[in-house]
C-alpha atoms as a PDB file:
ATOM      1  CA  UNK A   1     -74.461  89.804 -68.205  1.00  0.00           C
ATOM      2  CA  UNK A   2     -74.525  86.670 -70.352  1.00  0.00           C
ATOM      3  CA  UNK A   3     -77.760  87.627 -72.181  1.00  0.00           C
ATOM      4  CA  UNK A   4     -76.317  91.052 -73.009  1.00  0.00           C
ATOM      5  CA  UNK A   5     -73.108  89.554 -74.384  1.00  0.00           C
ATOM      6  CA  UNK A   6     -75.103  87.021 -76.387  1.00  0.00           C
ATOM      7  CA  UNK A   7     -77.116  89.877 -77.923  1.00  0.00           C
ATOM      8  CA  UNK A   8     -73.842  91.659 -78.737  1.00  0.00           C
ATOM      9  CA  UNK A   9     -72.689  88.584 -80.657  1.00  0.00           C
ATOM     10  CA  UNK A  10     -75.524  89.368 -83.021  1.00  0.00           C
ATOM     11  CA  UNK A  11     -75.729  93.168 -83.081  1.00  0.00           C
ATOM     12  CA  UNK A  12     -72.445  94.729 -81.943  1.00  0.00           C
ATOM     13  CA  UNK A  13     -69.857  96.280 -84.229  1.00  0.00           C
ATOM     14  CA  UNK A  14     -66.944  94.083 -85.252  1.00  0.00           C
ATOM     15  CA  UNK A  15     -64.657  96.162 -83.014  1.00  0.00           C
ATOM     16  CA  UNK A  16     -66.885  95.502 -79.995  1.00  0.00           C
ATOM     17  CA  UNK A  17     -67.102  91.816 -80.871  1.00  0.00           C
ATOM     18  CA  UNK A  18     -63.310  91.572 -81.177  1.00  0.00           C
ATOM     19  CA  UNK A  19     -62.892  93.189 -77.763  1.00  0.00           C
ATOM     20  CA  UNK A  20     -65.278  90.678 -76.195  1.00  0.00           C
ATOM     21  CA  UNK A  21     -63.787  87.731 -78.086  1.00  0.00           C
ATOM     22  CA  UNK A  22     -60.313  88.570 -76.750  1.00  0.00           C
ATOM     23  CA  UNK A  23     -61.544  87.548 -73.302  1.00  0.00           C
ATOM     24  CA  UNK A  24     -61.410  83.902 -74.420  1.00  0.00           C
ATOM     25  CA  UNK A  25     -57.606  84.130 -74.525  1.00  0.00           C
ATOM     26  CA  UNK A  26     -57.506  85.224 -70.885  1.00  0.00           C
ATOM     27  CA  UNK A  27     -59.905  82.448 -69.945  1.00  0.00           C
ATOM     28  CA  UNK A  28     -57.628  79.922 -71.688  1.00  0.00           C
ATOM     29  CA  UNK A  29     -60.438  78.993 -74.068  1.00  0.00           C
ATOM     30  CA  UNK A  30     -59.830  78.264 -77.750  1.00  0.00           C
ATOM     31  CA  UNK A  31     -61.446  80.319 -80.462  1.00  0.00           C
ATOM     32  CA  UNK A  32     -64.513  78.860 -82.150  1.00  0.00           C
ATOM     33  CA  UNK A  33     -63.188  80.091 -85.472  1.00  0.00           C
ATOM     34  CA  UNK A  34     -65.644  82.925 -85.886  1.00  0.00           C
ATOM     35  CA  UNK A  35     -66.045  86.291 -84.224  1.00  0.00           C
ATOM     36  CA  UNK A  36     -69.751  85.790 -83.521  1.00  0.00           C
ATOM     37  CA  UNK A  37     -69.057  82.284 -82.248  1.00  0.00           C
ATOM     38  CA  UNK A  38     -66.347  83.537 -79.892  1.00  0.00           C
ATOM     39  CA  UNK A  39     -68.653  86.169 -78.385  1.00  0.00           C
ATOM     40  CA  UNK A  40     -71.454  83.613 -78.029  1.00  0.00           C
ATOM     41  CA  UNK A  41     -68.954  81.227 -76.382  1.00  0.00           C
ATOM     42  CA  UNK A  42     -67.977  83.952 -73.908  1.00  0.00           C
ATOM     43  CA  UNK A  43     -71.656  84.437 -73.023  1.00  0.00           C
ATOM     44  CA  UNK A  44     -72.035  80.692 -72.490  1.00  0.00           C
ATOM     45  CA  UNK A  45     -68.957  80.539 -70.246  1.00  0.00           C
ATOM     46  CA  UNK A  46     -70.206  83.440 -68.129  1.00  0.00           C
ATOM     47  CA  UNK A  47     -73.620  81.822 -67.795  1.00  0.00           C
ATOM     48  CA  UNK A  48     -72.066  78.487 -66.811  1.00  0.00           C
ATOM     49  CA  UNK A  49     -69.770  80.186 -64.295  1.00  0.00           C
ATOM     50  CA  UNK A  50     -72.604  82.069 -62.612  1.00  0.00           C
ATOM     51  CA  UNK A  51     -74.651  78.885 -62.262  1.00  0.00           C
ATOM     52  CA  UNK A  52     -71.740  76.720 -61.105  1.00  0.00           C
ATOM     53  CA  UNK A  53     -72.246  75.389 -57.572  1.00  0.00           C
ATOM     54  CA  UNK A  54     -68.568  75.861 -56.655  1.00  0.00           C
ATOM     55  CA  UNK A  55     -68.769  79.496 -57.760  1.00  0.00           C
ATOM     56  CA  UNK A  56     -71.900  80.081 -55.704  1.00  0.00           C
ATOM     57  CA  UNK A  57     -70.381  78.339 -52.685  1.00  0.00           C
ATOM     58  CA  UNK A  58     -67.181  80.371 -52.987  1.00  0.00           C
ATOM     59  CA  UNK A  59     -68.916  83.421 -51.608  1.00  0.00           C
ATOM     60  CA  UNK A  60     -68.290  85.459 -54.764  1.00  0.00           C
ATOM     61  CA  UNK A  61     -71.996  85.617 -55.618  1.00  0.00           C
ATOM     62  CA  UNK A  62     -72.851  86.493 -52.036  1.00  0.00           C
ATOM     63  CA  UNK A  63     -70.231  89.243 -52.031  1.00  0.00           C
ATOM     64  CA  UNK A  64     -71.511  90.584 -55.337  1.00  0.00           C
ATOM     65  CA  UNK A  65     -75.128  90.575 -54.172  1.00  0.00           C
ATOM     66  CA  UNK A  66     -74.089  92.208 -50.900  1.00  0.00           C
ATOM     67  CA  UNK A  67     -72.397  94.969 -52.868  1.00  0.00           C
ATOM     68  CA  UNK A  68     -75.484  95.443 -55.054  1.00  0.00           C
ATOM     69  CA  UNK A  69     -77.719  95.639 -51.986  1.00  0.00           C
ATOM     70  CA  UNK A  70     -75.347  97.945 -50.074  1.00  0.00           C
ATOM     71  CA  UNK A  71     -75.400 100.319 -53.046  1.00  0.00           C
ATOM     72  CA  UNK A  72     -79.177 100.329 -52.861  1.00  0.00           C
ATOM     73  CA  UNK A  73     -79.504  98.621 -56.243  1.00  0.00           C
ATOM     74  CA  UNK A  74     -81.778  95.823 -57.368  1.00  0.00           C
ATOM     75  CA  UNK A  75     -81.059  92.850 -59.613  1.00  0.00           C
ATOM     76  CA  UNK A  76     -84.279  92.642 -61.654  1.00  0.00           C
ATOM     77  CA  UNK A  77     -86.676  95.045 -63.300  1.00  0.00           C
ATOM     78  CA  UNK A  78     -89.416  93.440 -61.185  1.00  0.00           C
ATOM     79  CA  UNK A  79     -87.718  94.784 -58.060  1.00  0.00           C
ATOM     80  CA  UNK A  80     -87.666  98.235 -59.630  1.00  0.00           C
ATOM     81  CA  UNK A  81     -91.409  97.817 -60.278  1.00  0.00           C
ATOM     82  CA  UNK A  82     -90.975  98.489 -63.982  1.00  0.00           C
ATOM     83  CA  UNK A  83     -94.230  97.575 -65.714  1.00  0.00           C
ATOM     84  CA  UNK A  84     -93.816  95.035 -68.493  1.00  0.00           C
ATOM     85  CA  UNK A  85     -95.777  97.428 -70.688  1.00  0.00           C
ATOM     86  CA  UNK A  86     -92.793  99.828 -70.498  1.00  0.00           C
ATOM     87  CA  UNK A  87     -90.223  97.396 -71.876  1.00  0.00           C
ATOM     88  CA  UNK A  88     -90.726  98.356 -75.515  1.00  0.00           C
ATOM     89  CA  UNK A  89     -90.422 102.047 -74.658  1.00  0.00           C
ATOM     90  CA  UNK A  90     -87.226 101.382 -72.696  1.00  0.00           C
ATOM     91  CA  UNK A  91     -85.792  99.436 -75.641  1.00  0.00           C
ATOM     92  CA  UNK A  92     -86.654 102.257 -78.044  1.00  0.00           C
ATOM     93  CA  UNK A  93     -84.927 104.773 -75.780  1.00  0.00           C
ATOM     94  CA  UNK A  94     -81.867 102.530 -75.487  1.00  0.00           C
ATOM     95  CA  UNK A  95     -81.641 102.115 -79.252  1.00  0.00           C
ATOM     96  CA  UNK A  96     -82.527 105.717 -80.026  1.00  0.00           C
ATOM     97  CA  UNK A  97     -84.968 104.758 -82.752  1.00  0.00           C
ATOM     98  CA  UNK A  98     -88.201 102.785 -82.787  1.00  0.00           C
ATOM     99  CA  UNK A  99     -87.432 101.566 -86.309  1.00  0.00           C
ATOM    100  CA  UNK A 100     -84.183  99.900 -85.248  1.00  0.00           C
ATOM    101  CA  UNK A 101     -84.116  96.318 -86.562  1.00  0.00           C
ATOM    102  CA  UNK A 102     -82.782  95.109 -83.189  1.00  0.00           C
ATOM    103  CA  UNK A 103     -85.829  96.350 -81.244  1.00  0.00           C
ATOM    104  CA  UNK A 104     -87.405  92.929 -80.709  1.00  0.00           C
ATOM    105  CA  UNK A 105     -84.097  91.447 -79.545  1.00  0.00           C
ATOM    106  CA  UNK A 106     -83.603  94.211 -76.987  1.00  0.00           C
ATOM    107  CA  UNK A 107     -87.200  93.814 -75.747  1.00  0.00           C
ATOM    108  CA  UNK A 108     -86.541  90.073 -75.263  1.00  0.00           C
ATOM    109  CA  UNK A 109     -83.357  90.895 -73.358  1.00  0.00           C
ATOM    110  CA  UNK A 110     -85.311  93.240 -71.091  1.00  0.00           C
ATOM    111  CA  UNK A 111     -87.974  90.603 -70.556  1.00  0.00           C
ATOM    112  CA  UNK A 112     -85.219  88.352 -69.234  1.00  0.00           C
ATOM    113  CA  UNK A 113     -84.044  91.074 -66.866  1.00  0.00           C
ATOM    114  CA  UNK A 114     -87.597  91.541 -65.709  1.00  0.00           C
ATOM    115  CA  UNK A 115     -88.108  87.998 -64.518  1.00  0.00           C
ATOM    116  CA  UNK A 116     -84.605  86.897 -63.530  1.00  0.00           C
END
């Protein structure tokens, strides 16, 4: 989730960014002073939370992974056996246009989902 939100800090509409940035209020985190900075801060907080030992030991991650597995889902593109050669095509389909200026950023995001 954090990599997707970080990408949104760069490419999302201002309305989408505002909606994400509002989460800082509910997390009792101060604004960074910029919309992009607030969305990037949210991504950082999510990443830190997911990697926090107390969070992992709380059973929340285990419960989440159990839910994913019980639904028959996977957590990486590797587990879905998606060839790395397909990532650009997937990004183009997601963006709807192979000339989209965000193509390389989306491919990098998918590469992270492939190996995570």
